[in-house]
């Protein structure tokens, strides 16, 4: 469970960072979907 937690937390932080750094708004919305998941 700790491994799954760290994996999901790293994925969430990466996706949230990509939402505000990516230039394409469609890709930003898709990264936001990954953040919510």
ModelCIF file with pLDDT and N, C-alpha, C, O atoms, coordinates in Angstrom:
data_MODEL
#
_entry.id   MODEL 
#
_entity.id                         1 
_entity.type                       polymer 
_entity.pdbx_number_of_molecules   1 
#
_entity_poly.entity_id                      1 
_entity_poly.type                           'polypeptide(L)' 
_entity_poly.nstd_linkage                   no 
_entity_poly.nstd_monomer                   no 
_entity_poly.pdbx_seq_one_letter_code       
;(UNK)(UNK)(UNK)(UNK)(UNK)(UNK)(UNK)(UNK)(UNK)(UNK)(UNK)(UNK)(UNK)(UNK)(UNK)(UNK)
(UNK)(UNK)(UNK)(UNK)(UNK)(UNK)(UNK)(UNK)(UNK)(UNK)(UNK)(UNK)(UNK)(UNK)(UNK)(UNK)
(UNK)(UNK)(UNK)(UNK)(UNK)
;
_entity_poly.pdbx_seq_one_letter_code_can   XXXXXXXXXXXXXXXXXXXXXXXXXXXXXXXXXXXXX 
_entity_poly.pdbx_strand_id                 A 
#
loop_
_entity_poly_seq.entity_id 
_entity_poly_seq.num 
_entity_poly_seq.mon_id 
_entity_poly_seq.hetero 
1 1  UNK n 
1 2  UNK n 
1 3  UNK n 
1 4  UNK n 
1 5  UNK n 
1 6  UNK n 
1 7  UNK n 
1 8  UNK n 
1 9  UNK n 
1 10 UNK n 
1 11 UNK n 
1 12 UNK n 
1 13 UNK n 
1 14 UNK n 
1 15 UNK n 
1 16 UNK n 
1 17 UNK n 
1 18 UNK n 
1 19 UNK n 
1 20 UNK n 
1 21 UNK n 
1 22 UNK n 
1 23 UNK n 
1 24 UNK n 
1 25 UNK n 
1 26 UNK n 
1 27 UNK n 
1 28 UNK n 
1 29 UNK n 
1 30 UNK n 
1 31 UNK n 
1 32 UNK n 
1 33 UNK n 
1 34 UNK n 
1 35 UNK n 
1 36 UNK n 
1 37 UNK n 
#
_struct_asym.id          A 
_struct_asym.entity_id   1 
#
loop_
_ma_qa_metric.id 
_ma_qa_metric.mode 
_ma_qa_metric.name 
_ma_qa_metric.software_group_id 
_ma_qa_metric.type 
1 global pLDDT . pLDDT 
2 local  pLDDT . pLDDT 
#
_ma_qa_metric_global.metric_id      1 
_ma_qa_metric_global.metric_value   88.95 
_ma_qa_metric_global.model_id       1 
_ma_qa_metric_global.ordinal_id     1 
#
loop_
_ma_qa_metric_local.label_asym_id 
_ma_qa_metric_local.label_comp_id 
_ma_qa_metric_local.label_seq_id 
_ma_qa_metric_local.metric_id 
_ma_qa_metric_local.metric_value 
_ma_qa_metric_local.model_id 
_ma_qa_metric_local.ordinal_id 
A UNK 1  2 84.00 1 1  
A UNK 2  2 86.00 1 2  
A UNK 3  2 88.00 1 3  
A UNK 4  2 90.00 1 4  
A UNK 5  2 89.00 1 5  
A UNK 6  2 91.00 1 6  
A UNK 7  2 92.00 1 7  
A UNK 8  2 92.00 1 8  
A UNK 9  2 92.00 1 9  
A UNK 10 2 93.00 1 10 
A UNK 11 2 94.00 1 11 
A UNK 12 2 93.00 1 12 
A UNK 13 2 92.00 1 13 
A UNK 14 2 94.00 1 14 
A UNK 15 2 93.00 1 15 
A UNK 16 2 92.00 1 16 
A UNK 17 2 91.00 1 17 
A UNK 18 2 92.00 1 18 
A UNK 19 2 90.00 1 19 
A UNK 20 2 84.00 1 20 
A UNK 21 2 84.00 1 21 
A UNK 22 2 86.00 1 22 
A UNK 23 2 78.00 1 23 
A UNK 24 2 80.00 1 24 
A UNK 25 2 80.00 1 25 
A UNK 26 2 82.00 1 26 
A UNK 27 2 87.00 1 27 
A UNK 28 2 87.00 1 28 
A UNK 29 2 86.00 1 29 
A UNK 30 2 88.00 1 30 
A UNK 31 2 92.00 1 31 
A UNK 32 2 90.00 1 32 
A UNK 33 2 90.00 1 33 
A UNK 34 2 92.00 1 34 
A UNK 35 2 93.00 1 35 
A UNK 36 2 92.00 1 36 
A UNK 37 2 92.00 1 37 
#
loop_
_atom_site.group_PDB 
_atom_site.id 
_atom_site.type_symbol 
_atom_site.label_atom_id 
_atom_site.label_alt_id 
_atom_site.label_comp_id 
_atom_site.label_asym_id 
_atom_site.label_entity_id 
_atom_site.label_seq_id 
_atom_site.pdbx_PDB_ins_code 
_atom_site.Cartn_x 
_atom_site.Cartn_y 
_atom_site.Cartn_z 
_atom_site.occupancy 
_atom_site.B_iso_or_equiv 
_atom_site.pdbx_formal_charge 
_atom_site.auth_seq_id 
_atom_site.auth_comp_id 
_atom_site.auth_asym_id 
_atom_site.auth_atom_id 
_atom_site.pdbx_PDB_model_num 
ATOM 1   N N  . UNK A 1 1  ? 0.822  -1.211 0.000   1.00 84.00 ? 1  UNK A N  1 
ATOM 2   C CA . UNK A 1 1  ? 0.000  0.000  0.000   1.00 84.00 ? 1  UNK A CA 1 
ATOM 3   C C  . UNK A 1 1  ? 0.860  1.266  0.000   1.00 84.00 ? 1  UNK A C  1 
ATOM 4   O O  . UNK A 1 1  ? 0.503  2.253  -0.643  1.00 84.00 ? 1  UNK A O  1 
ATOM 5   N N  . UNK A 1 2  ? 1.973  1.246  0.706   1.00 86.00 ? 2  UNK A N  1 
ATOM 6   C CA . UNK A 1 2  ? 2.856  2.407  0.687   1.00 86.00 ? 2  UNK A CA 1 
ATOM 7   C C  . UNK A 1 2  ? 3.458  2.626  -0.698  1.00 86.00 ? 2  UNK A C  1 
ATOM 8   O O  . UNK A 1 2  ? 3.596  3.764  -1.148  1.00 86.00 ? 2  UNK A O  1 
ATOM 9   N N  . UNK A 1 3  ? 3.816  1.537  -1.368  1.00 88.00 ? 3  UNK A N  1 
ATOM 10  C CA . UNK A 1 3  ? 4.339  1.663  -2.727  1.00 88.00 ? 3  UNK A CA 1 
ATOM 11  C C  . UNK A 1 3  ? 3.310  2.250  -3.681  1.00 88.00 ? 3  UNK A C  1 
ATOM 12  O O  . UNK A 1 3  ? 3.633  3.109  -4.502  1.00 88.00 ? 3  UNK A O  1 
ATOM 13  N N  . UNK A 1 4  ? 2.053  1.776  -3.568  1.00 90.00 ? 4  UNK A N  1 
ATOM 14  C CA . UNK A 1 4  ? 0.991  2.329  -4.413  1.00 90.00 ? 4  UNK A CA 1 
ATOM 15  C C  . UNK A 1 4  ? 0.763  3.804  -4.088  1.00 90.00 ? 4  UNK A C  1 
ATOM 16  O O  . UNK A 1 4  ? 0.521  4.614  -4.983  1.00 90.00 ? 4  UNK A O  1 
ATOM 17  N N  . UNK A 1 5  ? 0.842  4.148  -2.786  1.00 89.00 ? 5  UNK A N  1 
ATOM 18  C CA . UNK A 1 5  ? 0.662  5.546  -2.392  1.00 89.00 ? 5  UNK A CA 1 
ATOM 19  C C  . UNK A 1 5  ? 1.735  6.433  -3.013  1.00 89.00 ? 5  UNK A C  1 
ATOM 20  O O  . UNK A 1 5  ? 1.414  7.474  -3.585  1.00 89.00 ? 5  UNK A O  1 
ATOM 21  N N  . UNK A 1 6  ? 2.996  6.040  -2.911  1.00 91.00 ? 6  UNK A N  1 
ATOM 22  C CA . UNK A 1 6  ? 4.074  6.860  -3.468  1.00 91.00 ? 6  UNK A CA 1 
ATOM 23  C C  . UNK A 1 6  ? 3.976  6.935  -4.988  1.00 91.00 ? 6  UNK A C  1 
ATOM 24  O O  . UNK A 1 6  ? 4.293  7.968  -5.578  1.00 91.00 ? 6  UNK A O  1 
ATOM 25  N N  . UNK A 1 7  ? 3.542  5.855  -5.623  1.00 92.00 ? 7  UNK A N  1 
ATOM 26  C CA . UNK A 1 7  ? 3.388  5.867  -7.083  1.00 92.00 ? 7  UNK A CA 1 
ATOM 27  C C  . UNK A 1 7  ? 2.283  6.840  -7.507  1.00 92.00 ? 7  UNK A C  1 
ATOM 28  O O  . UNK A 1 7  ? 2.468  7.641  -8.423  1.00 92.00 ? 7  UNK A O  1 
ATOM 29  N N  . UNK A 1 8  ? 1.133  6.759  -6.828  1.00 92.00 ? 8  UNK A N  1 
ATOM 30  C CA . UNK A 1 8  ? 0.024  7.663  -7.165  1.00 92.00 ? 8  UNK A CA 1 
ATOM 31  C C  . UNK A 1 8  ? 0.352  9.106  -6.811  1.00 92.00 ? 8  UNK A C  1 
ATOM 32  O O  . UNK A 1 8  ? -0.026 10.021 -7.543  1.00 92.00 ? 8  UNK A O  1 
ATOM 33  N N  . UNK A 1 9  ? 1.052  9.325  -5.694  1.00 92.00 ? 9  UNK A N  1 
ATOM 34  C CA . UNK A 1 9  ? 1.414  10.690 -5.301  1.00 92.00 ? 9  UNK A CA 1 
ATOM 35  C C  . UNK A 1 9  ? 2.388  11.299 -6.307  1.00 92.00 ? 9  UNK A C  1 
ATOM 36  O O  . UNK A 1 9  ? 2.242  12.463 -6.680  1.00 92.00 ? 9  UNK A O  1 
ATOM 37  N N  . UNK A 1 10 ? 3.380  10.526 -6.747  1.00 93.00 ? 10 UNK A N  1 
ATOM 38  C CA . UNK A 1 10 ? 4.324  11.039 -7.747  1.00 93.00 ? 10 UNK A CA 1 
ATOM 39  C C  . UNK A 1 10 ? 3.622  11.316 -9.069  1.00 93.00 ? 10 UNK A C  1 
ATOM 40  O O  . UNK A 1 10 ? 3.906  12.310 -9.737  1.00 93.00 ? 10 UNK A O  1 
ATOM 41  N N  . UNK A 1 11 ? 2.704  10.429 -9.440  1.00 94.00 ? 11 UNK A N  1 
ATOM 42  C CA . UNK A 1 11 ? 1.939  10.634 -10.676 1.00 94.00 ? 11 UNK A CA 1 
ATOM 43  C C  . UNK A 1 11 ? 1.068  11.884 -10.575 1.00 94.00 ? 11 UNK A C  1 
ATOM 44  O O  . UNK A 1 11 ? 0.942  12.632 -11.545 1.00 94.00 ? 11 UNK A O  1 
ATOM 45  N N  . UNK A 1 12 ? 0.461  12.115 -9.397  1.00 93.00 ? 12 UNK A N  1 
ATOM 46  C CA . UNK A 1 12 ? -0.388 13.292 -9.208  1.00 93.00 ? 12 UNK A CA 1 
ATOM 47  C C  . UNK A 1 12 ? 0.436  14.578 -9.281  1.00 93.00 ? 12 UNK A C  1 
ATOM 48  O O  . UNK A 1 12 ? 0.021  15.540 -9.927  1.00 93.00 ? 12 UNK A O  1 
ATOM 49  N N  . UNK A 1 13 ? 1.598  14.605 -8.625  1.00 92.00 ? 13 UNK A N  1 
ATOM 50  C CA . UNK A 1 13 ? 2.435  15.804 -8.650  1.00 92.00 ? 13 UNK A CA 1 
ATOM 51  C C  . UNK A 1 13 ? 2.941  16.080 -10.070 1.00 92.00 ? 13 UNK A C  1 
ATOM 52  O O  . UNK A 1 13 ? 2.966  17.229 -10.511 1.00 92.00 ? 13 UNK A O  1 
ATOM 53  N N  . UNK A 1 14 ? 3.340  15.027 -10.777 1.00 94.00 ? 14 UNK A N  1 
ATOM 54  C CA . UNK A 1 14 ? 3.808  15.203 -12.156 1.00 94.00 ? 14 UNK A CA 1 
ATOM 55  C C  . UNK A 1 14 ? 2.701  15.731 -13.057 1.00 94.00 ? 14 UNK A C  1 
ATOM 56  O O  . UNK A 1 14 ? 2.927  16.652 -13.842 1.00 94.00 ? 14 UNK A O  1 
ATOM 57  N N  . UNK A 1 15 ? 1.494  15.151 -12.949 1.00 93.00 ? 15 UNK A N  1 
ATOM 58  C CA . UNK A 1 15 ? 0.380  15.587 -13.793 1.00 93.00 ? 15 UNK A CA 1 
ATOM 59  C C  . UNK A 1 15 ? -0.048 17.012 -13.461 1.00 93.00 ? 15 UNK A C  1 
ATOM 60  O O  . UNK A 1 15 ? -0.377 17.784 -14.361 1.00 93.00 ? 15 UNK A O  1 
ATOM 61  N N  . UNK A 1 16 ? -0.046 17.370 -12.162 1.00 92.00 ? 16 UNK A N  1 
ATOM 62  C CA . UNK A 1 16 ? -0.409 18.737 -11.776 1.00 92.00 ? 16 UNK A CA 1 
ATOM 63  C C  . UNK A 1 16 ? 0.616  19.742 -12.287 1.00 92.00 ? 16 UNK A C  1 
ATOM 64  O O  . UNK A 1 16 ? 0.252  20.845 -12.694 1.00 92.00 ? 16 UNK A O  1 
ATOM 65  N N  . UNK A 1 17 ? 1.897  19.370 -12.270 1.00 91.00 ? 17 UNK A N  1 
ATOM 66  C CA . UNK A 1 17 ? 2.926  20.270 -12.812 1.00 91.00 ? 17 UNK A CA 1 
ATOM 67  C C  . UNK A 1 17 ? 2.785  20.423 -14.319 1.00 91.00 ? 17 UNK A C  1 
ATOM 68  O O  . UNK A 1 17 ? 3.014  21.507 -14.857 1.00 91.00 ? 17 UNK A O  1 
ATOM 69  N N  . UNK A 1 18 ? 2.411  19.354 -15.000 1.00 92.00 ? 18 UNK A N  1 
ATOM 70  C CA . UNK A 1 18 ? 2.235  19.435 -16.453 1.00 92.00 ? 18 UNK A CA 1 
ATOM 71  C C  . UNK A 1 18 ? 1.014  20.260 -16.831 1.00 92.00 ? 18 UNK A C  1 
ATOM 72  O O  . UNK A 1 18 ? 0.983  20.854 -17.909 1.00 92.00 ? 18 UNK A O  1 
ATOM 73  N N  . UNK A 1 19 ? 0.007  20.307 -15.961 1.00 90.00 ? 19 UNK A N  1 
ATOM 74  C CA . UNK A 1 19 ? -1.192 21.105 -16.255 1.00 90.00 ? 19 UNK A CA 1 
ATOM 75  C C  . UNK A 1 19 ? -0.831 22.578 -16.402 1.00 90.00 ? 19 UNK A C  1 
ATOM 76  O O  . UNK A 1 19 ? -1.362 23.261 -17.278 1.00 90.00 ? 19 UNK A O  1 
ATOM 77  N N  . UNK A 1 20 ? 0.059  23.068 -15.559 1.00 84.00 ? 20 UNK A N  1 
ATOM 78  C CA . UNK A 1 20 ? 0.387  24.500 -15.571 1.00 84.00 ? 20 UNK A CA 1 
ATOM 79  C C  . UNK A 1 20 ? 1.598  24.823 -16.426 1.00 84.00 ? 20 UNK A C  1 
ATOM 80  O O  . UNK A 1 20 ? 1.875  26.001 -16.650 1.00 84.00 ? 20 UNK A O  1 
ATOM 81  N N  . UNK A 1 21 ? 2.337  23.825 -16.916 1.00 84.00 ? 21 UNK A N  1 
ATOM 82  C CA . UNK A 1 21 ? 3.513  24.099 -17.736 1.00 84.00 ? 21 UNK A CA 1 
ATOM 83  C C  . UNK A 1 21 ? 3.317  23.783 -19.206 1.00 84.00 ? 21 UNK A C  1 
ATOM 84  O O  . UNK A 1 21 ? 3.994  24.375 -20.048 1.00 84.00 ? 21 UNK A O  1 
ATOM 85  N N  . UNK A 1 22 ? 2.421  22.876 -19.546 1.00 86.00 ? 22 UNK A N  1 
ATOM 86  C CA . UNK A 1 22 ? 2.239  22.533 -20.951 1.00 86.00 ? 22 UNK A CA 1 
ATOM 87  C C  . UNK A 1 22 ? 1.534  23.685 -21.659 1.00 86.00 ? 22 UNK A C  1 
ATOM 88  O O  . UNK A 1 22 ? 0.708  24.376 -21.063 1.00 86.00 ? 22 UNK A O  1 
ATOM 89  N N  . UNK A 1 23 ? 1.864  23.889 -22.938 1.00 78.00 ? 23 UNK A N  1 
ATOM 90  C CA . UNK A 1 23 ? 1.345  25.030 -23.681 1.00 78.00 ? 23 UNK A CA 1 
ATOM 91  C C  . UNK A 1 23 ? 0.027  24.726 -24.379 1.00 78.00 ? 23 UNK A C  1 
ATOM 92  O O  . UNK A 1 23 ? -0.795 25.623 -24.570 1.00 78.00 ? 23 UNK A O  1 
ATOM 93  N N  . UNK A 1 24 ? -0.178 23.497 -24.753 1.00 80.00 ? 24 UNK A N  1 
ATOM 94  C CA . UNK A 1 24 ? -1.407 23.126 -25.460 1.00 80.00 ? 24 UNK A CA 1 
ATOM 95  C C  . UNK A 1 24 ? -2.548 22.966 -24.455 1.00 80.00 ? 24 UNK A C  1 
ATOM 96  O O  . UNK A 1 24 ? -2.421 22.172 -23.523 1.00 80.00 ? 24 UNK A O  1 
ATOM 97  N N  . UNK A 1 25 ? -3.674 23.704 -24.614 1.00 80.00 ? 25 UNK A N  1 
ATOM 98  C CA . UNK A 1 25 ? -4.757 23.600 -23.622 1.00 80.00 ? 25 UNK A CA 1 
ATOM 99  C C  . UNK A 1 25 ? -5.437 22.230 -23.612 1.00 80.00 ? 25 UNK A C  1 
ATOM 100 O O  . UNK A 1 25 ? -5.925 21.795 -22.569 1.00 80.00 ? 25 UNK A O  1 
ATOM 101 N N  . UNK A 1 26 ? -5.475 21.549 -24.751 1.00 82.00 ? 26 UNK A N  1 
ATOM 102 C CA . UNK A 1 26 ? -6.088 20.219 -24.779 1.00 82.00 ? 26 UNK A CA 1 
ATOM 103 C C  . UNK A 1 26 ? -5.244 19.236 -23.973 1.00 82.00 ? 26 UNK A C  1 
ATOM 104 O O  . UNK A 1 26 ? -5.783 18.429 -23.215 1.00 82.00 ? 26 UNK A O  1 
ATOM 105 N N  . UNK A 1 27 ? -3.927 19.301 -24.135 1.00 87.00 ? 27 UNK A N  1 
ATOM 106 C CA . UNK A 1 27 ? -3.044 18.433 -23.349 1.00 87.00 ? 27 UNK A CA 1 
ATOM 107 C C  . UNK A 1 27 ? -3.114 18.784 -21.867 1.00 87.00 ? 27 UNK A C  1 
ATOM 108 O O  . UNK A 1 27 ? -3.044 17.896 -21.017 1.00 87.00 ? 27 UNK A O  1 
ATOM 109 N N  . UNK A 1 28 ? -3.250 20.068 -21.550 1.00 87.00 ? 28 UNK A N  1 
ATOM 110 C CA . UNK A 1 28 ? -3.386 20.470 -20.150 1.00 87.00 ? 28 UNK A CA 1 
ATOM 111 C C  . UNK A 1 28 ? -4.655 19.892 -19.531 1.00 87.00 ? 28 UNK A C  1 
ATOM 112 O O  . UNK A 1 28 ? -4.645 19.457 -18.380 1.00 87.00 ? 28 UNK A O  1 
ATOM 113 N N  . UNK A 1 29 ? -5.747 19.887 -20.296 1.00 86.00 ? 29 UNK A N  1 
ATOM 114 C CA . UNK A 1 29 ? -6.992 19.306 -19.786 1.00 86.00 ? 29 UNK A CA 1 
ATOM 115 C C  . UNK A 1 29 ? -6.853 17.798 -19.593 1.00 86.00 ? 29 UNK A C  1 
ATOM 116 O O  . UNK A 1 29 ? -7.395 17.246 -18.636 1.00 86.00 ? 29 UNK A O  1 
ATOM 117 N N  . UNK A 1 30 ? -6.137 17.133 -20.486 1.00 88.00 ? 30 UNK A N  1 
ATOM 118 C CA . UNK A 1 30 ? -5.933 15.685 -20.338 1.00 88.00 ? 30 UNK A CA 1 
ATOM 119 C C  . UNK A 1 30 ? -5.034 15.375 -19.141 1.00 88.00 ? 30 UNK A C  1 
ATOM 120 O O  . UNK A 1 30 ? -5.260 14.388 -18.442 1.00 88.00 ? 30 UNK A O  1 
ATOM 121 N N  . UNK A 1 31 ? -4.030 16.195 -18.899 1.00 92.00 ? 31 UNK A N  1 
ATOM 122 C CA . UNK A 1 31 ? -3.210 16.007 -17.698 1.00 92.00 ? 31 UNK A CA 1 
ATOM 123 C C  . UNK A 1 31 ? -4.018 16.279 -16.434 1.00 92.00 ? 31 UNK A C  1 
ATOM 124 O O  . UNK A 1 31 ? -3.770 15.660 -15.400 1.00 92.00 ? 31 UNK A O  1 
ATOM 125 N N  . UNK A 1 32 ? -4.979 17.193 -16.503 1.00 90.00 ? 32 UNK A N  1 
ATOM 126 C CA . UNK A 1 32 ? -5.850 17.421 -15.353 1.00 90.00 ? 32 UNK A CA 1 
ATOM 127 C C  . UNK A 1 32 ? -6.736 16.206 -15.077 1.00 90.00 ? 32 UNK A C  1 
ATOM 128 O O  . UNK A 1 32 ? -7.024 15.893 -13.922 1.00 90.00 ? 32 UNK A O  1 
ATOM 129 N N  . UNK A 1 33 ? -7.165 15.523 -16.139 1.00 90.00 ? 33 UNK A N  1 
ATOM 130 C CA . UNK A 1 33 ? -7.901 14.261 -15.965 1.00 90.00 ? 33 UNK A CA 1 
ATOM 131 C C  . UNK A 1 33 ? -7.025 13.236 -15.252 1.00 90.00 ? 33 UNK A C  1 
ATOM 132 O O  . UNK A 1 33 ? -7.497 12.539 -14.353 1.00 90.00 ? 33 UNK A O  1 
ATOM 133 N N  . UNK A 1 34 ? -5.758 13.136 -15.641 1.00 92.00 ? 34 UNK A N  1 
ATOM 134 C CA . UNK A 1 34 ? -4.839 12.216 -14.967 1.00 92.00 ? 34 UNK A CA 1 
ATOM 135 C C  . UNK A 1 34 ? -4.642 12.603 -13.501 1.00 92.00 ? 34 UNK A C  1 
ATOM 136 O O  . UNK A 1 34 ? -4.503 11.731 -12.644 1.00 92.00 ? 34 UNK A O  1 
ATOM 137 N N  . UNK A 1 35 ? -4.630 13.906 -13.210 1.00 93.00 ? 35 UNK A N  1 
ATOM 138 C CA . UNK A 1 35 ? -4.515 14.367 -11.823 1.00 93.00 ? 35 UNK A CA 1 
ATOM 139 C C  . UNK A 1 35 ? -5.713 13.919 -11.000 1.00 93.00 ? 35 UNK A C  1 
ATOM 140 O O  . UNK A 1 35 ? -5.550 13.439 -9.878  1.00 93.00 ? 35 UNK A O  1 
ATOM 141 N N  . UNK A 1 36 ? -6.923 14.074 -11.551 1.00 92.00 ? 36 UNK A N  1 
ATOM 142 C CA . UNK A 1 36 ? -8.125 13.657 -10.828 1.00 92.00 ? 36 UNK A CA 1 
ATOM 143 C C  . UNK A 1 36 ? -8.156 12.146 -10.615 1.00 92.00 ? 36 UNK A C  1 
ATOM 144 O O  . UNK A 1 36 ? -8.573 11.684 -9.553  1.00 92.00 ? 36 UNK A O  1 
ATOM 145 N N  . UNK A 1 37 ? -7.728 11.383 -11.594 1.00 92.00 ? 37 UNK A N  1 
ATOM 146 C CA . UNK A 1 37 ? -7.715 9.915  -11.449 1.00 92.00 ? 37 UNK A CA 1 
ATOM 147 C C  . UNK A 1 37 ? -6.718 9.490  -10.370 1.00 92.00 ? 37 UNK A C  1 
ATOM 148 O O  . UNK A 1 37 ? -6.566 8.298  -10.105 1.00 92.00 ? 37 UNK A O  1 
#
